[in-house]
C-alpha atoms as a PDB file:
ATOM      1  CA  MET A   1       0.000   0.000   0.000  1.00  0.00           C
ATOM      2  CA  ARG A   2       1.202   3.491  -0.802  1.00  0.00           C
ATOM      3  CA  VAL A   3       1.198   5.733   2.282  1.00  0.00           C
ATOM      4  CA  ARG A   4       2.011   9.445   2.333  1.00  0.00           C
ATOM      5  CA  LEU A   5       4.421  10.423   5.087  1.00  0.00           C
ATOM      6  CA  LEU A   6       2.226  13.494   5.558  1.00  0.00           C
ATOM      7  CA  ASP A   7      -0.618  11.244   6.779  1.00  0.00           C
ATOM      8  CA  ILE A   8       1.374   9.419   9.455  1.00  0.00           C
ATOM      9  CA  ALA A   9       3.877  12.017  10.706  1.00  0.00           C
ATOM     10  CA  HIS A  10       4.577  15.665  11.180  1.00  0.00           C
ATOM     11  CA  ALA A  11       7.918  17.382  10.788  1.00  0.00           C
ATOM     12  CA  ARG A  12       9.950  20.446  11.709  1.00  0.00           C
ATOM     13  CA  SER A  13      13.123  21.766  10.155  1.00  0.00           C
ATOM     14  CA  GLY A  14      15.700  24.479  10.504  1.00  0.00           C
ATOM     15  CA  ASP A  15      19.311  25.353   9.886  1.00  0.00           C
ATOM     16  CA  LYS A  16      22.613  24.468  11.462  1.00  0.00           C
ATOM     17  CA  GLY A  17      25.080  26.376   9.280  1.00  0.00           C
ATOM     18  CA  ASP A  18      25.079  24.763   5.835  1.00  0.00           C
ATOM     19  CA  THR A  19      23.127  21.750   7.154  1.00  0.00           C
ATOM     20  CA  ALA A  20      19.357  21.461   7.285  1.00  0.00           C
ATOM     21  CA  ASN A  21      18.013  19.634  10.328  1.00  0.00           C
ATOM     22  CA  VAL A  22      14.699  17.782   9.795  1.00  0.00           C
ATOM     23  CA  GLY A  23      12.773  16.045  12.573  1.00  0.00           C
ATOM     24  CA  VAL A  24       9.995  13.603  11.650  1.00  0.00           C
ATOM     25  CA  ILE A  25       7.580  12.588  14.425  1.00  0.00           C
ATOM     26  CA  ALA A  26       5.022   9.768  14.219  1.00  0.00           C
ATOM     27  CA  LEU A  27       1.416  10.881  14.752  1.00  0.00           C
ATOM     28  CA  ARG A  28       0.675   7.632  16.635  1.00  0.00           C
ATOM     29  CA  PRO A  29       3.092   5.585  18.754  1.00  0.00           C
ATOM     30  CA  GLU A  30       2.462   2.425  16.724  1.00  0.00           C
ATOM     31  CA  TRP A  31       3.398   4.237  13.495  1.00  0.00           C
ATOM     32  CA  TYR A  32       6.957   4.948  14.651  1.00  0.00           C
ATOM     33  CA  ALA A  33       8.035   1.465  13.507  1.00  0.00           C
ATOM     34  CA  VAL A  34       6.900   2.365   9.974  1.00  0.00           C
ATOM     35  CA  LEU A  35       9.109   5.457  10.054  1.00  0.00           C
ATOM     36  CA  GLU A  36      12.047   3.396  11.317  1.00  0.00           C
ATOM     37  CA  ARG A  37      11.726   0.805   8.548  1.00  0.00           C
ATOM     38  CA  HIS A  38      10.738   2.938   5.579  1.00  0.00           C
ATOM     39  CA  VAL A  39      12.167   6.445   6.068  1.00  0.00           C
ATOM     40  CA  THR A  40      15.783   5.442   5.649  1.00  0.00           C
ATOM     41  CA  ARG A  41      18.867   7.579   5.176  1.00  0.00           C
ATOM     42  CA  ASP A  42      19.156   6.384   1.582  1.00  0.00           C
ATOM     43  CA  ARG A  43      15.486   7.070   0.843  1.00  0.00           C
ATOM     44  CA  VAL A  44      15.764  10.621   2.195  1.00  0.00           C
ATOM     45  CA  ALA A  45      18.978  11.215   0.226  1.00  0.00           C
ATOM     46  CA  GLN A  46      17.218   9.996  -2.929  1.00  0.00           C
ATOM     47  CA  HIS A  47      14.219  12.233  -2.188  1.00  0.00           C
ATOM     48  CA  PHE A  48      16.486  15.304  -1.966  1.00  0.00           C
ATOM     49  CA  ALA A  49      18.805  14.367  -4.851  1.00  0.00           C
ATOM     50  CA  GLY A  50      19.756  17.508  -6.753  1.00  0.00           C
ATOM     51  CA  VAL A  51      18.650  19.731  -3.857  1.00  0.00           C
ATOM     52  CA  ILE A  52      21.403  18.968  -1.358  1.00  0.00           C
ATOM     53  CA  GLU A  53      25.086  18.671  -2.162  1.00  0.00           C
ATOM     54  CA  GLY A  54      26.246  16.513   0.762  1.00  0.00           C
ATOM     55  CA  GLY A  55      25.229  13.350   2.533  1.00  0.00           C
ATOM     56  CA  VAL A  56      22.406  12.527   4.920  1.00  0.00           C
ATOM     57  CA  ASP A  57      22.722  11.381   8.547  1.00  0.00           C
ATOM     58  CA  ARG A  58      19.836   9.731  10.411  1.00  0.00           C
ATOM     59  CA  PHE A  59      19.345   9.589  14.166  1.00  0.00           C
ATOM     60  CA  GLU A  60      16.635   7.558  15.897  1.00  0.00           C
ATOM     61  CA  LEU A  61      14.780   8.933  18.913  1.00  0.00           C
ATOM     62  CA  PRO A  62      12.344   6.151  19.875  1.00  0.00           C
ATOM     63  CA  ASN A  63      11.433   7.789  23.193  1.00  0.00           C
ATOM     64  CA  LEU A  64      10.057  10.712  21.145  1.00  0.00           C
ATOM     65  CA  MET A  65       8.693   8.489  18.322  1.00  0.00           C
ATOM     66  CA  ALA A  66      10.922  10.518  16.005  1.00  0.00           C
ATOM     67  CA  LEU A  67      13.732  10.426  13.488  1.00  0.00           C
ATOM     68  CA  ASN A  68      16.134  13.291  12.957  1.00  0.00           C
ATOM     69  CA  PHE A  69      17.927  13.869   9.660  1.00  0.00           C
ATOM     70  CA  LEU A  70      20.870  16.117   8.907  1.00  0.00           C
ATOM     71  CA  LEU A  71      20.989  17.172   5.258  1.00  0.00           C
ATOM     72  CA  HIS A  72      24.542  18.326   4.619  1.00  0.00           C
ATOM     73  CA  GLY A  73      25.213  20.934   1.956  1.00  0.00           C
ATOM     74  CA  ALA A  74      21.554  21.904   1.819  1.00  0.00           C
ATOM     75  CA  LEU A  75      21.723  25.636   2.483  1.00  0.00           C
ATOM     76  CA  ASP A  76      24.320  27.031   0.105  1.00  0.00           C
ATOM     77  CA  GLY A  77      26.629  28.115   2.910  1.00  0.00           C
ATOM     78  CA  GLY A  78      24.025  28.812   5.585  1.00  0.00           C
ATOM     79  CA  GLY A  79      21.666  31.564   6.640  1.00  0.00           C
ATOM     80  CA  THR A  80      24.175  34.412   6.763  1.00  0.00           C
ATOM     81  CA  LEU A  81      25.847  33.526   3.451  1.00  0.00           C
ATOM     82  CA  SER A  82      23.135  32.022   1.284  1.00  0.00           C
ATOM     83  CA  LEU A  83      21.064  33.840  -1.299  1.00  0.00           C
ATOM     84  CA  LYS A  84      18.488  31.035  -1.293  1.00  0.00           C
ATOM     85  CA  THR A  85      14.908  32.049  -0.592  1.00  0.00           C
ATOM     86  CA  ASP A  86      14.824  29.584   2.325  1.00  0.00           C
ATOM     87  CA  ALA A  87      18.294  30.097   3.790  1.00  0.00           C
ATOM     88  CA  GLN A  88      17.163  28.732   7.181  1.00  0.00           C
ATOM     89  CA  GLY A  89      15.858  25.448   5.734  1.00  0.00           C
ATOM     90  CA  LYS A  90      12.294  25.784   7.025  1.00  0.00           C
ATOM     91  CA  VAL A  91      10.653  24.163   3.981  1.00  0.00           C
ATOM     92  CA  PHE A  92      12.666  20.933   4.111  1.00  0.00           C
ATOM     93  CA  SER A  93      10.128  19.503   6.562  1.00  0.00           C
ATOM     94  CA  THR A  94       7.261  20.120   4.152  1.00  0.00           C
ATOM     95  CA  ALA A  95       9.290  18.705   1.286  1.00  0.00           C
ATOM     96  CA  LEU A  96      10.077  15.525   3.223  1.00  0.00           C
ATOM     97  CA  LEU A  97       6.417  15.030   4.167  1.00  0.00           C
ATOM     98  CA  ARG A  98       5.691  14.678   0.422  1.00  0.00           C
ATOM     99  CA  LEU A  99       7.526  11.340   0.480  1.00  0.00           C
ATOM    100  CA  VAL A 100       5.302   8.359  -0.403  1.00  0.00           C
ATOM    101  CA  LEU A 101       6.144   5.058   1.268  1.00  0.00           C
ATOM    102  CA  ASP A 102       5.485   1.563  -0.071  1.00  0.00           C
ATOM    103  CA  VAL A 103       4.327  -0.371   3.001  1.00  0.00           C
ATOM    104  CA  PRO A 104       3.358  -4.052   2.714  1.00  0.00           C
ATOM    105  CA  ASP A 105      -0.443  -4.356   2.663  1.00  0.00           C
ATOM    106  CA  VAL A 106      -0.567  -6.663   5.693  1.00  0.00           C
ATOM    107  CA  GLU A 107       1.480  -4.236   7.809  1.00  0.00           C
ATOM    108  CA  ALA A 108      -0.456  -1.185   6.592  1.00  0.00           C
ATOM    109  CA  ARG A 109      -3.838  -2.746   7.379  1.00  0.00           C
ATOM    110  CA  ALA A 110      -2.734  -4.032  10.782  1.00  0.00           C
ATOM    111  CA  LEU A 111      -1.584  -0.529  11.745  1.00  0.00           C
ATOM    112  CA  GLU A 112      -4.611   1.145  10.112  1.00  0.00           C
ATOM    113  CA  LEU A 113      -2.393   3.346   7.962  1.00  0.00           C
ATOM    114  CA  PRO A 114      -4.254   5.740   5.655  1.00  0.00           C
ATOM    115  CA  GLU A 115      -3.816   4.878   1.977  1.00  0.00           C
ATOM    116  CA  ALA A 116      -2.470   7.578  -0.317  1.00  0.00           C
ATOM    117  CA  PRO A 117      -5.145   9.022  -2.621  1.00  0.00           C
END
């Protein structure tokens, strides 16, 4: 089943120099496992290919039902140097929530995940 990240999580983002910091938080405790399995470092890097120049780091925060991603080389030098419209990286959270996950039907139904339209 195709599941939009937007329907199972919310996110916040900001800047740390030239690195965008994106936190993704499960909307329900039982949905955190879906984030852990399907929102991988490689998947996020692929999602932002051509937008960021560096690598992606992923950190797991199970006590918060969250993942944190660092997108290196995302801000063209950072807030004080960049001429980008979003030099503080605030829209990276919205962009990541557009990710569509392919979750096995059995798992999606068991967790009552909303199907992507």
